[in-house]
Amino acid sequence: MAKFIKSKFRVIWGTVFSFFYGIFATDISAQEAEDNANDETGPSVEESSKDEALDPGAIAAAVAAAAASAQAANEFSAAAAAADAQAQRDQVSFSFQTANNNADRVTSLAVAQLAKDGDNSAAAATKNAAFASAIGAVAGKILPGIIKKF
């Protein structure tokens, strides 16, 4: 799952950085052009572009281009994202199944141990009962003869 999240963050941050790179690179280029224009005697870039406004379509196109650039830079397509997500689901399923099997195995061992302990207790009780019965039988044969003598 961490690999999937890491790849998603990589795409998101790649898009964000590409977008800001486009903005800052454009500003730097504009500043360099302005400095060059001011060095010459002609009108500055600022004076010639004051009346021009940024078109929302141009902004959207720049954002889309930055997203496409980030996706291409990361070589992360929708199919790769789906394959990565499936691999993560498989790993989680495998981990869950392994833990579940281990829990079942421990439970089976505990049940077997309890059954063994119960059988041992029953055998010990039977042995003690047989021993007590034998003592009672011996005492029943010996004690009446001893009691008659007194």
C-alpha atoms as a PDB file:
ATOM      1  CA  MET A   1       0.000   0.000   0.000  1.00  0.00           C
ATOM      2  CA  ALA A   2       2.875   2.342   0.774  1.00  0.00           C
ATOM      3  CA  LYS A   3       4.227   1.857  -2.749  1.00  0.00           C
ATOM      4  CA  PHE A   4       0.831   2.829  -4.198  1.00  0.00           C
ATOM      5  CA  ILE A   5       0.597   5.943  -2.015  1.00  0.00           C
ATOM      6  CA  LYS A   6       4.183   6.882  -2.857  1.00  0.00           C
ATOM      7  CA  SER A   7       3.459   6.614  -6.584  1.00  0.00           C
ATOM      8  CA  LYS A   8       0.301   8.736  -6.240  1.00  0.00           C
ATOM      9  CA  PHE A   9       2.227  11.419  -4.349  1.00  0.00           C
ATOM     10  CA  ARG A  10       4.930  11.323  -7.004  1.00  0.00           C
ATOM     11  CA  VAL A  11       2.352  12.045  -9.707  1.00  0.00           C
ATOM     12  CA  ILE A  12       0.690  14.789  -7.685  1.00  0.00           C
ATOM     13  CA  TRP A  13       3.937  16.491  -6.724  1.00  0.00           C
ATOM     14  CA  GLY A  14       5.277  16.101 -10.259  1.00  0.00           C
ATOM     15  CA  THR A  15       2.203  17.890 -11.552  1.00  0.00           C
ATOM     16  CA  VAL A  16       2.463  20.639  -8.939  1.00  0.00           C
ATOM     17  CA  PHE A  17       6.181  21.181  -9.526  1.00  0.00           C
ATOM     18  CA  SER A  18       5.751  21.142 -13.294  1.00  0.00           C
ATOM     19  CA  PHE A  19       3.005  23.731 -12.996  1.00  0.00           C
ATOM     20  CA  PHE A  20       5.089  26.011 -10.785  1.00  0.00           C
ATOM     21  CA  TYR A  21       8.154  25.440 -12.934  1.00  0.00           C
ATOM     22  CA  GLY A  22       6.139  26.675 -15.900  1.00  0.00           C
ATOM     23  CA  ILE A  23       5.069  29.769 -13.986  1.00  0.00           C
ATOM     24  CA  PHE A  24       8.497  30.625 -12.599  1.00  0.00           C
ATOM     25  CA  ALA A  25      10.368  29.836 -15.800  1.00  0.00           C
ATOM     26  CA  THR A  26       7.996  32.138 -17.691  1.00  0.00           C
ATOM     27  CA  ASP A  27       8.485  34.926 -15.141  1.00  0.00           C
ATOM     28  CA  ILE A  28      12.248  34.599 -15.324  1.00  0.00           C
ATOM     29  CA  SER A  29      12.157  34.689 -19.109  1.00  0.00           C
ATOM     30  CA  ALA A  30       9.926  37.745 -18.998  1.00  0.00           C
ATOM     31  CA  GLN A  31      12.291  39.472 -16.579  1.00  0.00           C
ATOM     32  CA  GLU A  32      15.277  38.715 -18.799  1.00  0.00           C
ATOM     33  CA  ALA A  33      13.409  40.014 -21.825  1.00  0.00           C
ATOM     34  CA  GLU A  34      12.429  43.142 -19.885  1.00  0.00           C
ATOM     35  CA  ASP A  35      16.014  43.740 -18.798  1.00  0.00           C
ATOM     36  CA  ASN A  36      17.212  43.325 -22.393  1.00  0.00           C
ATOM     37  CA  ALA A  37      14.511  45.645 -23.647  1.00  0.00           C
ATOM     38  CA  ASN A  38      15.378  48.289 -21.079  1.00  0.00           C
ATOM     39  CA  ASP A  39      19.011  48.163 -22.103  1.00  0.00           C
ATOM     40  CA  GLU A  40      18.005  49.097 -25.619  1.00  0.00           C
ATOM     41  CA  THR A  41      16.346  52.374 -26.451  1.00  0.00           C
ATOM     42  CA  GLY A  42      13.112  50.723 -27.682  1.00  0.00           C
ATOM     43  CA  PRO A  43       9.894  50.312 -25.706  1.00  0.00           C
ATOM     44  CA  SER A  44       9.989  47.800 -22.848  1.00  0.00           C
ATOM     45  CA  VAL A  45       8.174  44.489 -22.832  1.00  0.00           C
ATOM     46  CA  GLU A  46       6.096  45.718 -19.921  1.00  0.00           C
ATOM     47  CA  GLU A  47       4.782  48.690 -21.890  1.00  0.00           C
ATOM     48  CA  SER A  48       3.904  46.581 -24.923  1.00  0.00           C
ATOM     49  CA  SER A  49       2.158  43.827 -22.925  1.00  0.00           C
ATOM     50  CA  LYS A  50       0.215  45.977 -20.430  1.00  0.00           C
ATOM     51  CA  ASP A  51      -2.966  45.704 -22.453  1.00  0.00           C
ATOM     52  CA  GLU A  52      -2.709  41.907 -22.872  1.00  0.00           C
ATOM     53  CA  ALA A  53      -4.478  39.734 -20.261  1.00  0.00           C
ATOM     54  CA  LEU A  54      -3.984  36.050 -19.566  1.00  0.00           C
ATOM     55  CA  ASP A  55      -6.615  33.978 -21.302  1.00  0.00           C
ATOM     56  CA  PRO A  56      -8.260  31.361 -18.998  1.00  0.00           C
ATOM     57  CA  GLY A  57      -7.987  28.853 -21.839  1.00  0.00           C
ATOM     58  CA  ALA A  58      -4.243  29.443 -22.000  1.00  0.00           C
ATOM     59  CA  ILE A  59      -3.962  28.875 -18.268  1.00  0.00           C
ATOM     60  CA  ALA A  60      -5.993  25.646 -18.511  1.00  0.00           C
ATOM     61  CA  ALA A  61      -3.831  24.502 -21.420  1.00  0.00           C
ATOM     62  CA  ALA A  62      -0.687  25.233 -19.409  1.00  0.00           C
ATOM     63  CA  VAL A  63      -2.016  23.236 -16.459  1.00  0.00           C
ATOM     64  CA  ALA A  64      -2.987  20.334 -18.737  1.00  0.00           C
ATOM     65  CA  ALA A  65       0.437  20.445 -20.368  1.00  0.00           C
ATOM     66  CA  ALA A  66       2.099  20.419 -16.952  1.00  0.00           C
ATOM     67  CA  ALA A  67      -0.002  17.429 -15.889  1.00  0.00           C
ATOM     68  CA  ALA A  68       0.832  15.581 -19.095  1.00  0.00           C
ATOM     69  CA  SER A  69       4.491  16.441 -18.641  1.00  0.00           C
ATOM     70  CA  ALA A  70       4.464  15.153 -15.060  1.00  0.00           C
ATOM     71  CA  GLN A  71       2.717  11.968 -16.111  1.00  0.00           C
ATOM     72  CA  ALA A  72       5.187  11.397 -18.924  1.00  0.00           C
ATOM     73  CA  ALA A  73       8.122  12.229 -16.648  1.00  0.00           C
ATOM     74  CA  ASN A  74       7.000   9.677 -14.105  1.00  0.00           C
ATOM     75  CA  GLU A  75       6.037   7.153 -16.793  1.00  0.00           C
ATOM     76  CA  PHE A  76       2.866   6.487 -14.873  1.00  0.00           C
ATOM     77  CA  SER A  77      -0.187   5.780 -16.977  1.00  0.00           C
ATOM     78  CA  ALA A  78      -3.686   4.732 -15.987  1.00  0.00           C
ATOM     79  CA  ALA A  79      -2.851   1.118 -16.835  1.00  0.00           C
ATOM     80  CA  ALA A  80       0.246   1.254 -14.660  1.00  0.00           C
ATOM     81  CA  ALA A  81      -1.794   2.775 -11.826  1.00  0.00           C
ATOM     82  CA  ALA A  82      -4.379   0.000 -12.155  1.00  0.00           C
ATOM     83  CA  ALA A  83      -1.656  -2.660 -12.189  1.00  0.00           C
ATOM     84  CA  ASP A  84      -0.019  -1.084  -9.150  1.00  0.00           C
ATOM     85  CA  ALA A  85      -3.340  -0.947  -7.301  1.00  0.00           C
ATOM     86  CA  GLN A  86      -4.009  -4.605  -8.147  1.00  0.00           C
ATOM     87  CA  ALA A  87      -0.554  -5.584  -6.919  1.00  0.00           C
ATOM     88  CA  GLN A  88      -1.235  -3.762  -3.655  1.00  0.00           C
ATOM     89  CA  ARG A  89      -4.619  -5.492  -3.282  1.00  0.00           C
ATOM     90  CA  ASP A  90      -2.958  -8.853  -3.941  1.00  0.00           C
ATOM     91  CA  GLN A  91      -0.302  -8.155  -1.333  1.00  0.00           C
ATOM     92  CA  VAL A  92      -2.888  -7.135   1.271  1.00  0.00           C
ATOM     93  CA  SER A  93      -4.997 -10.204   0.450  1.00  0.00           C
ATOM     94  CA  PHE A  94      -1.960 -12.474   0.742  1.00  0.00           C
ATOM     95  CA  SER A  95      -0.993 -10.904   4.078  1.00  0.00           C
ATOM     96  CA  PHE A  96      -4.529 -11.258   5.415  1.00  0.00           C
ATOM     97  CA  GLN A  97      -4.794 -14.880   4.251  1.00  0.00           C
ATOM     98  CA  THR A  98      -1.423 -15.724   5.823  1.00  0.00           C
ATOM     99  CA  ALA A  99      -2.430 -14.184   9.154  1.00  0.00           C
ATOM    100  CA  ASN A 100      -5.811 -15.908   9.011  1.00  0.00           C
ATOM    101  CA  ASN A 101      -4.195 -19.292   8.307  1.00  0.00           C
ATOM    102  CA  ASN A 102      -1.744 -18.769  11.171  1.00  0.00           C
ATOM    103  CA  ALA A 103      -4.620 -17.926  13.532  1.00  0.00           C
ATOM    104  CA  ASP A 104      -6.522 -21.041  12.405  1.00  0.00           C
ATOM    105  CA  ARG A 105      -3.418 -23.161  12.965  1.00  0.00           C
ATOM    106  CA  VAL A 106      -2.909 -21.763  16.474  1.00  0.00           C
ATOM    107  CA  THR A 107      -6.588 -22.337  17.291  1.00  0.00           C
ATOM    108  CA  SER A 108      -6.404 -25.942  16.062  1.00  0.00           C
ATOM    109  CA  LEU A 109      -3.308 -26.546  18.180  1.00  0.00           C
ATOM    110  CA  ALA A 110      -4.995 -25.032  21.239  1.00  0.00           C
ATOM    111  CA  VAL A 111      -8.097 -27.217  20.735  1.00  0.00           C
ATOM    112  CA  ALA A 112      -5.908 -30.307  20.339  1.00  0.00           C
ATOM    113  CA  GLN A 113      -3.970 -29.407  23.507  1.00  0.00           C
ATOM    114  CA  LEU A 114      -7.211 -28.925  25.454  1.00  0.00           C
ATOM    115  CA  ALA A 115      -8.492 -32.292  24.202  1.00  0.00           C
ATOM    116  CA  LYS A 116      -5.206 -33.941  25.189  1.00  0.00           C
ATOM    117  CA  ASP A 117      -5.333 -32.306  28.620  1.00  0.00           C
ATOM    118  CA  GLY A 118      -8.950 -33.478  29.028  1.00  0.00           C
ATOM    119  CA  ASP A 119      -8.019 -37.027  28.028  1.00  0.00           C
ATOM    120  CA  ASN A 120      -5.074 -36.998  30.455  1.00  0.00           C
ATOM    121  CA  SER A 121      -7.331 -35.713  33.239  1.00  0.00           C
ATOM    122  CA  ALA A 122      -9.921 -38.409  32.478  1.00  0.00           C
ATOM    123  CA  ALA A 123      -7.207 -41.101  32.449  1.00  0.00           C
ATOM    124  CA  ALA A 124      -5.824 -39.826  35.757  1.00  0.00           C
ATOM    125  CA  ALA A 125      -9.323 -39.800  37.289  1.00  0.00           C
ATOM    126  CA  THR A 126      -9.963 -43.350  36.031  1.00  0.00           C
ATOM    127  CA  LYS A 127      -6.617 -44.471  37.443  1.00  0.00           C
ATOM    128  CA  ASN A 128      -7.337 -42.832  40.803  1.00  0.00           C
ATOM    129  CA  ALA A 129     -10.826 -44.326  40.870  1.00  0.00           C
ATOM    130  CA  ALA A 130      -9.461 -47.802  40.095  1.00  0.00           C
ATOM    131  CA  PHE A 131      -6.820 -47.395  42.790  1.00  0.00           C
ATOM    132  CA  ALA A 132      -9.437 -46.282  45.323  1.00  0.00           C
ATOM    133  CA  SER A 133     -11.710 -49.157  44.299  1.00  0.00           C
ATOM    134  CA  ALA A 134      -8.837 -51.617  44.731  1.00  0.00           C
ATOM    135  CA  ILE A 135      -8.022 -50.220  48.168  1.00  0.00           C
ATOM    136  CA  GLY A 136     -11.702 -50.412  49.098  1.00  0.00           C
ATOM    137  CA  ALA A 137     -11.899 -54.029  47.920  1.00  0.00           C
ATOM    138  CA  VAL A 138      -8.763 -54.997  49.863  1.00  0.00           C
ATOM    139  CA  ALA A 139      -9.965 -53.135  52.939  1.00  0.00           C
ATOM    140  CA  GLY A 140     -13.378 -54.783  52.591  1.00  0.00           C
ATOM    141  CA  LYS A 141     -11.773 -58.227  52.667  1.00  0.00           C
ATOM    142  CA  ILE A 142      -9.212 -57.517  55.413  1.00  0.00           C
ATOM    143  CA  LEU A 143     -11.039 -55.218  57.815  1.00  0.00           C
ATOM    144  CA  PRO A 144     -14.018 -57.498  58.633  1.00  0.00           C
ATOM    145  CA  GLY A 145     -11.579 -60.240  59.720  1.00  0.00           C
ATOM    146  CA  ILE A 146      -9.579 -57.766  61.837  1.00  0.00           C
ATOM    147  CA  ILE A 147     -12.736 -56.318  63.388  1.00  0.00           C
ATOM    148  CA  LYS A 148     -14.056 -59.836  64.322  1.00  0.00           C
ATOM    149  CA  LYS A 149     -10.875 -60.528  66.254  1.00  0.00           C
ATOM    150  CA  PHE A 150     -11.449 -57.606  68.585  1.00  0.00           C
END
